[in-house]
C-alpha atoms as a PDB file:
ATOM      1  CA  MET A   1      57.702   1.399 -18.900  1.00  0.00           C
ATOM      2  CA  GLY A   2      54.245   0.040 -19.771  1.00  0.00           C
ATOM      3  CA  TYR A   3      53.558  -1.356 -23.152  1.00  0.00           C
ATOM      4  CA  SER A   4      50.098  -1.473 -24.821  1.00  0.00           C
ATOM      5  CA  LYS A   5      48.263  -4.788 -25.039  1.00  0.00           C
ATOM      6  CA  GLU A   6      48.175  -4.419 -28.807  1.00  0.00           C
ATOM      7  CA  LEU A   7      52.010  -4.098 -28.949  1.00  0.00           C
ATOM      8  CA  LYS A   8      52.355  -7.218 -26.664  1.00  0.00           C
ATOM      9  CA  ASP A   9      50.018  -9.213 -28.609  1.00  0.00           C
ATOM     10  CA  ALA A  10      51.829  -8.184 -31.865  1.00  0.00           C
ATOM     11  CA  MET A  11      55.146  -9.273 -30.416  1.00  0.00           C
ATOM     12  CA  LEU A  12      53.791 -12.639 -29.197  1.00  0.00           C
ATOM     13  CA  ARG A  13      52.496 -13.207 -32.645  1.00  0.00           C
ATOM     14  CA  ARG A  14      55.904 -12.777 -34.074  1.00  0.00           C
ATOM     15  CA  LEU A  15      57.553 -14.904 -31.202  1.00  0.00           C
ATOM     16  CA  LEU A  16      54.964 -17.710 -31.247  1.00  0.00           C
ATOM     17  CA  PRO A  17      53.995 -20.204 -34.034  1.00  0.00           C
ATOM     18  CA  PRO A  18      53.739 -20.059 -36.951  1.00  0.00           C
ATOM     19  CA  ASN A  19      56.265 -17.237 -37.101  1.00  0.00           C
ATOM     20  CA  ASN A  20      58.646 -18.386 -34.437  1.00  0.00           C
ATOM     21  CA  GLU A  21      60.954 -15.419 -34.805  1.00  0.00           C
ATOM     22  CA  SER A  22      63.854 -15.380 -32.469  1.00  0.00           C
ATOM     23  CA  ILE A  23      63.761 -13.119 -29.340  1.00  0.00           C
ATOM     24  CA  ALA A  24      66.889 -11.319 -30.253  1.00  0.00           C
ATOM     25  CA  LYS A  25      65.745 -10.336 -33.769  1.00  0.00           C
ATOM     26  CA  VAL A  26      62.313  -9.051 -32.454  1.00  0.00           C
ATOM     27  CA  ALA A  27      63.959  -7.232 -29.646  1.00  0.00           C
ATOM     28  CA  ARG A  28      66.348  -5.519 -31.965  1.00  0.00           C
ATOM     29  CA  GLU A  29      63.627  -4.444 -34.519  1.00  0.00           C
ATOM     30  CA  ALA A  30      61.055  -3.463 -31.836  1.00  0.00           C
ATOM     31  CA  GLY A  31      63.431  -1.736 -29.511  1.00  0.00           C
ATOM     32  CA  ILE A  32      62.198  -3.907 -26.566  1.00  0.00           C
ATOM     33  CA  SER A  33      64.510  -5.699 -24.253  1.00  0.00           C
ATOM     34  CA  PRO A  34      64.979  -9.336 -24.765  1.00  0.00           C
ATOM     35  CA  HIS A  35      64.195 -10.004 -21.116  1.00  0.00           C
ATOM     36  CA  THR A  36      60.794  -8.499 -21.534  1.00  0.00           C
ATOM     37  CA  LEU A  37      60.054 -10.527 -24.619  1.00  0.00           C
ATOM     38  CA  SER A  38      61.317 -13.581 -22.992  1.00  0.00           C
ATOM     39  CA  ARG A  39      58.959 -12.995 -19.984  1.00  0.00           C
ATOM     40  CA  TRP A  40      55.885 -12.291 -22.233  1.00  0.00           C
ATOM     41  CA  LYS A  41      56.596 -15.548 -24.066  1.00  0.00           C
ATOM     42  CA  ASN A  42      56.945 -17.468 -20.872  1.00  0.00           C
ATOM     43  CA  GLU A  43      53.672 -15.947 -19.452  1.00  0.00           C
ATOM     44  CA  ALA A  44      52.010 -16.974 -22.642  1.00  0.00           C
ATOM     45  CA  LYS A  45      53.061 -20.462 -22.283  1.00  0.00           C
ATOM     46  CA  ALA A  46      52.203 -20.476 -18.603  1.00  0.00           C
ATOM     47  CA  ASN A  47      48.683 -19.324 -19.560  1.00  0.00           C
ATOM     48  CA  GLY A  48      48.144 -22.321 -21.810  1.00  0.00           C
ATOM     49  CA  THR A  49      49.394 -21.013 -25.175  1.00  0.00           C
ATOM     50  CA  PRO A  50      51.553 -23.655 -26.819  1.00  0.00           C
ATOM     51  CA  ALA A  51      54.750 -21.971 -27.850  1.00  0.00           C
ATOM     52  CA  PRO A  52      57.021 -24.594 -29.309  1.00  0.00           C
ATOM     53  CA  THR A  53      60.093 -23.048 -31.046  1.00  0.00           C
ATOM     54  CA  GLY A  54      61.712 -24.531 -34.040  1.00  0.00           C
ATOM     55  CA  ASP A  55      60.668 -27.266 -36.492  1.00  0.00           C
ATOM     56  CA  ASN A  56      62.015 -30.162 -34.454  1.00  0.00           C
ATOM     57  CA  ALA A  57      59.369 -31.307 -32.012  1.00  0.00           C
ATOM     58  CA  ASP A  58      62.026 -33.104 -29.986  1.00  0.00           C
ATOM     59  CA  THR A  59      63.193 -29.907 -28.743  1.00  0.00           C
ATOM     60  CA  TRP A  60      59.705 -28.825 -27.455  1.00  0.00           C
ATOM     61  CA  SER A  61      59.101 -28.895 -23.824  1.00  0.00           C
ATOM     62  CA  THR A  62      56.725 -31.686 -22.677  1.00  0.00           C
ATOM     63  CA  GLN A  63      54.317 -28.859 -21.422  1.00  0.00           C
ATOM     64  CA  ASP A  64      54.083 -27.519 -24.975  1.00  0.00           C
ATOM     65  CA  LYS A  65      53.629 -30.934 -26.464  1.00  0.00           C
ATOM     66  CA  PHE A  66      50.753 -31.779 -24.030  1.00  0.00           C
ATOM     67  CA  LEU A  67      49.016 -28.389 -24.613  1.00  0.00           C
ATOM     68  CA  ILE A  68      49.031 -29.039 -28.283  1.00  0.00           C
ATOM     69  CA  VAL A  69      47.548 -32.519 -27.735  1.00  0.00           C
ATOM     70  CA  VAL A  70      44.911 -31.166 -25.304  1.00  0.00           C
ATOM     71  CA  GLU A  71      43.921 -28.353 -27.620  1.00  0.00           C
ATOM     72  CA  THR A  72      43.534 -30.658 -30.508  1.00  0.00           C
ATOM     73  CA  ALA A  73      41.973 -33.679 -28.937  1.00  0.00           C
ATOM     74  CA  SER A  74      38.475 -32.962 -29.932  1.00  0.00           C
ATOM     75  CA  MET A  75      39.214 -31.689 -33.408  1.00  0.00           C
ATOM     76  CA  ASN A  76      38.137 -33.258 -36.695  1.00  0.00           C
ATOM     77  CA  GLU A  77      40.556 -33.527 -39.702  1.00  0.00           C
ATOM     78  CA  ALA A  78      39.525 -30.113 -41.144  1.00  0.00           C
ATOM     79  CA  GLU A  79      39.887 -28.257 -37.733  1.00  0.00           C
ATOM     80  CA  LEU A  80      43.200 -30.165 -37.108  1.00  0.00           C
ATOM     81  CA  ALA A  81      44.547 -28.904 -40.584  1.00  0.00           C
ATOM     82  CA  GLU A  82      43.406 -25.308 -39.772  1.00  0.00           C
ATOM     83  CA  TYR A  83      45.073 -25.521 -36.343  1.00  0.00           C
ATOM     84  CA  ALA A  84      48.294 -26.932 -37.775  1.00  0.00           C
ATOM     85  CA  ARG A  85      48.509 -24.034 -40.400  1.00  0.00           C
ATOM     86  CA  LYS A  86      47.903 -21.437 -37.696  1.00  0.00           C
ATOM     87  CA  LYS A  87      50.586 -22.810 -35.464  1.00  0.00           C
ATOM     88  CA  GLY A  88      52.986 -23.603 -38.184  1.00  0.00           C
ATOM     89  CA  LEU A  89      52.973 -27.414 -37.488  1.00  0.00           C
ATOM     90  CA  TYR A  90      52.390 -30.384 -39.506  1.00  0.00           C
ATOM     91  CA  MET A  91      49.438 -32.624 -38.814  1.00  0.00           C
ATOM     92  CA  GLU A  92      51.822 -35.597 -38.732  1.00  0.00           C
ATOM     93  CA  GLN A  93      53.679 -33.917 -35.776  1.00  0.00           C
ATOM     94  CA  ILE A  94      50.318 -33.489 -33.913  1.00  0.00           C
ATOM     95  CA  LYS A  95      49.371 -37.077 -34.616  1.00  0.00           C
ATOM     96  CA  THR A  96      52.796 -38.250 -33.390  1.00  0.00           C
ATOM     97  CA  LEU A  97      52.319 -36.191 -30.229  1.00  0.00           C
ATOM     98  CA  ARG A  98      48.820 -37.752 -29.666  1.00  0.00           C
ATOM     99  CA  ASP A  99      50.182 -41.287 -30.159  1.00  0.00           C
ATOM    100  CA  ALA A 100      53.072 -40.587 -27.720  1.00  0.00           C
ATOM    101  CA  CYS A 101      50.579 -39.251 -25.051  1.00  0.00           C
ATOM    102  CA  MET A 102      48.350 -42.272 -25.505  1.00  0.00           C
ATOM    103  CA  ASN A 103      51.264 -44.775 -25.236  1.00  0.00           C
ATOM    104  CA  ALA A 104      52.672 -43.043 -22.125  1.00  0.00           C
ATOM    105  CA  ASN A 105      49.361 -43.258 -20.350  1.00  0.00           C
ATOM    106  CA  GLY A 106      48.879 -46.962 -21.313  1.00  0.00           C
ATOM    107  CA  SER A 107      52.106 -47.901 -19.470  1.00  0.00           C
ATOM    108  CA  ILE A 108      51.243 -45.847 -16.566  1.00  0.00           C
ATOM    109  CA  ALA A 109      47.878 -47.680 -16.218  1.00  0.00           C
ATOM    110  CA  LYS A 110      49.566 -51.011 -16.362  1.00  0.00           C
ATOM    111  CA  LYS A 111      52.063 -49.868 -13.724  1.00  0.00           C
ATOM    112  CA  ALA A 112      49.344 -48.464 -11.469  1.00  0.00           C
ATOM    113  CA  THR A 113      47.286 -51.830 -11.808  1.00  0.00           C
ATOM    114  CA  GLN A 114      50.449 -53.900 -10.900  1.00  0.00           C
ATOM    115  CA  LEU A 115      51.216 -51.358  -8.102  1.00  0.00           C
ATOM    116  CA  ASN A 116      47.483 -51.811  -6.669  1.00  0.00           C
ATOM    117  CA  ARG A 117      47.811 -55.721  -6.902  1.00  0.00           C
ATOM    118  CA  GLU A 118      51.306 -55.602  -4.968  1.00  0.00           C
ATOM    119  CA  GLN A 119      49.692 -53.150  -2.319  1.00  0.00           C
ATOM    120  CA  ARG A 120      46.756 -55.592  -1.717  1.00  0.00           C
ATOM    121  CA  GLU A 121      49.245 -58.526  -1.528  1.00  0.00           C
ATOM    122  CA  ALA A 122      51.298 -56.604   1.085  1.00  0.00           C
ATOM    123  CA  LYS A 123      48.317 -55.669   3.077  1.00  0.00           C
ATOM    124  CA  LYS A 124      47.255 -59.399   3.109  1.00  0.00           C
ATOM    125  CA  LEU A 125      50.719 -60.447   4.126  1.00  0.00           C
ATOM    126  CA  GLU A 126      50.731 -57.741   6.900  1.00  0.00           C
ATOM    127  CA  LYS A 127      47.426 -59.014   8.181  1.00  0.00           C
ATOM    128  CA  GLU A 128      48.733 -62.641   8.240  1.00  0.00           C
ATOM    129  CA  LEU A 129      51.823 -61.501  10.082  1.00  0.00           C
ATOM    130  CA  GLN A 130      49.823 -59.751  12.709  1.00  0.00           C
ATOM    131  CA  ARG A 131      47.619 -62.672  13.211  1.00  0.00           C
ATOM    132  CA  LYS A 132      50.730 -65.031  13.627  1.00  0.00           C
ATOM    133  CA  GLU A 133      52.329 -62.413  15.966  1.00  0.00           C
ATOM    134  CA  LYS A 134      49.235 -62.488  18.146  1.00  0.00           C
ATOM    135  CA  ALA A 135      49.277 -66.229  18.268  1.00  0.00           C
ATOM    136  CA  LEU A 136      52.858 -66.350  19.224  1.00  0.00           C
ATOM    137  CA  ALA A 137      52.392 -63.708  21.912  1.00  0.00           C
ATOM    138  CA  GLU A 138      49.344 -65.754  23.324  1.00  0.00           C
ATOM    139  CA  ALA A 139      51.530 -68.872  23.311  1.00  0.00           C
ATOM    140  CA  ASN A 140      54.349 -67.042  25.126  1.00  0.00           C
ATOM    141  CA  VAL A 141      51.937 -65.902  27.830  1.00  0.00           C
ATOM    142  CA  LEU A 142      50.439 -69.366  28.363  1.00  0.00           C
ATOM    143  CA  LEU A 143      53.953 -70.803  28.631  1.00  0.00           C
ATOM    144  CA  LYS A 144      55.017 -68.284  31.380  1.00  0.00           C
ATOM    145  CA  LEU A 145      51.626 -68.979  33.260  1.00  0.00           C
ATOM    146  CA  SER A 146      52.335 -72.697  32.964  1.00  0.00           C
ATOM    147  CA  THR A 147      55.853 -72.197  34.361  1.00  0.00           C
ATOM    148  CA  LYS A 148      54.537 -69.995  37.126  1.00  0.00           C
ATOM    149  CA  ALA A 149      51.753 -72.460  38.016  1.00  0.00           C
ATOM    150  CA  ASP A 150      54.391 -75.272  38.220  1.00  0.00           C
ATOM    151  CA  ALA A 151      56.554 -73.088  40.456  1.00  0.00           C
ATOM    152  CA  ILE A 152      53.625 -72.473  42.784  1.00  0.00           C
ATOM    153  CA  TRP A 153      51.943 -75.956  42.834  1.00  0.00           C
ATOM    154  CA  GLY A 154      54.833 -78.007  41.728  1.00  0.00           C
ATOM    155  CA  ASP A 155      55.292 -79.934  38.557  1.00  0.00           C
ATOM    156  CA  ARG A 156      52.092 -81.673  37.831  1.00  0.00           C
ATOM    157  CA  ASN A 157      53.844 -84.542  36.265  1.00  0.00           C
ATOM    158  CA  ASP A 158      56.110 -84.848  39.268  1.00  0.00           C
ATOM    159  CA  THR A 159      52.940 -84.733  41.507  1.00  0.00           C
ATOM    160  CA  LEU A 160      51.276 -87.417  39.466  1.00  0.00           C
ATOM    161  CA  SER A 161      54.258 -89.762  39.308  1.00  0.00           C
ATOM    162  CA  HIS A 162      54.682 -89.308  43.383  1.00  0.00           C
ATOM    163  CA  LYS A 163      51.039 -90.192  43.849  1.00  0.00           C
ATOM    164  CA  ARG A 164      51.591 -93.307  41.640  1.00  0.00           C
ATOM    165  CA  GLN A 165      54.619 -94.355  43.425  1.00  0.00           C
ATOM    166  CA  ARG A 166      52.927 -94.059  46.692  1.00  0.00           C
ATOM    167  CA  ASN A 167      49.791 -95.822  45.499  1.00  0.00           C
ATOM    168  CA  GLN A 168      52.168 -98.715  44.261  1.00  0.00           C
ATOM    169  CA  LYS A 169      53.911 -98.970  47.689  1.00  0.00           C
ATOM    170  CA  SER A 170      50.740 -99.189  49.496  1.00  0.00           C
END
């Protein structure tokens, strides 16, 4: 069954602020299934219409809170007051939401800065480790070559001591 856009808009006006009527009540009075009304309300929220329910801002979804902050970010006091009246909100609620968003982003920025610093330090340590591993591998190769050379030509220390002994006997 298709519903007209006008009917859908009228039902959403009842479901969304400032009216915030319950879905069950609107469904009974309009003769529309609660599932359909719920879907319309969720679609409106998904399309960016803030749809908090109830007077307690603590029960609103984070998406609703954020959408309200975004919508009101560039408003002056008069526009904010008008917006609050239309949505059935108090200006203090909106200001509290703004403050919460700003504080949340501030701590994230600090954490991001600290993470970047830690990543640079880790990269520096990794580079140092690679340099040391390379030096160790080179020393290992030189030691093996030295051992092989001694096996082929004899121990140079032994050779030098034998030459000295022969020279002393003569």
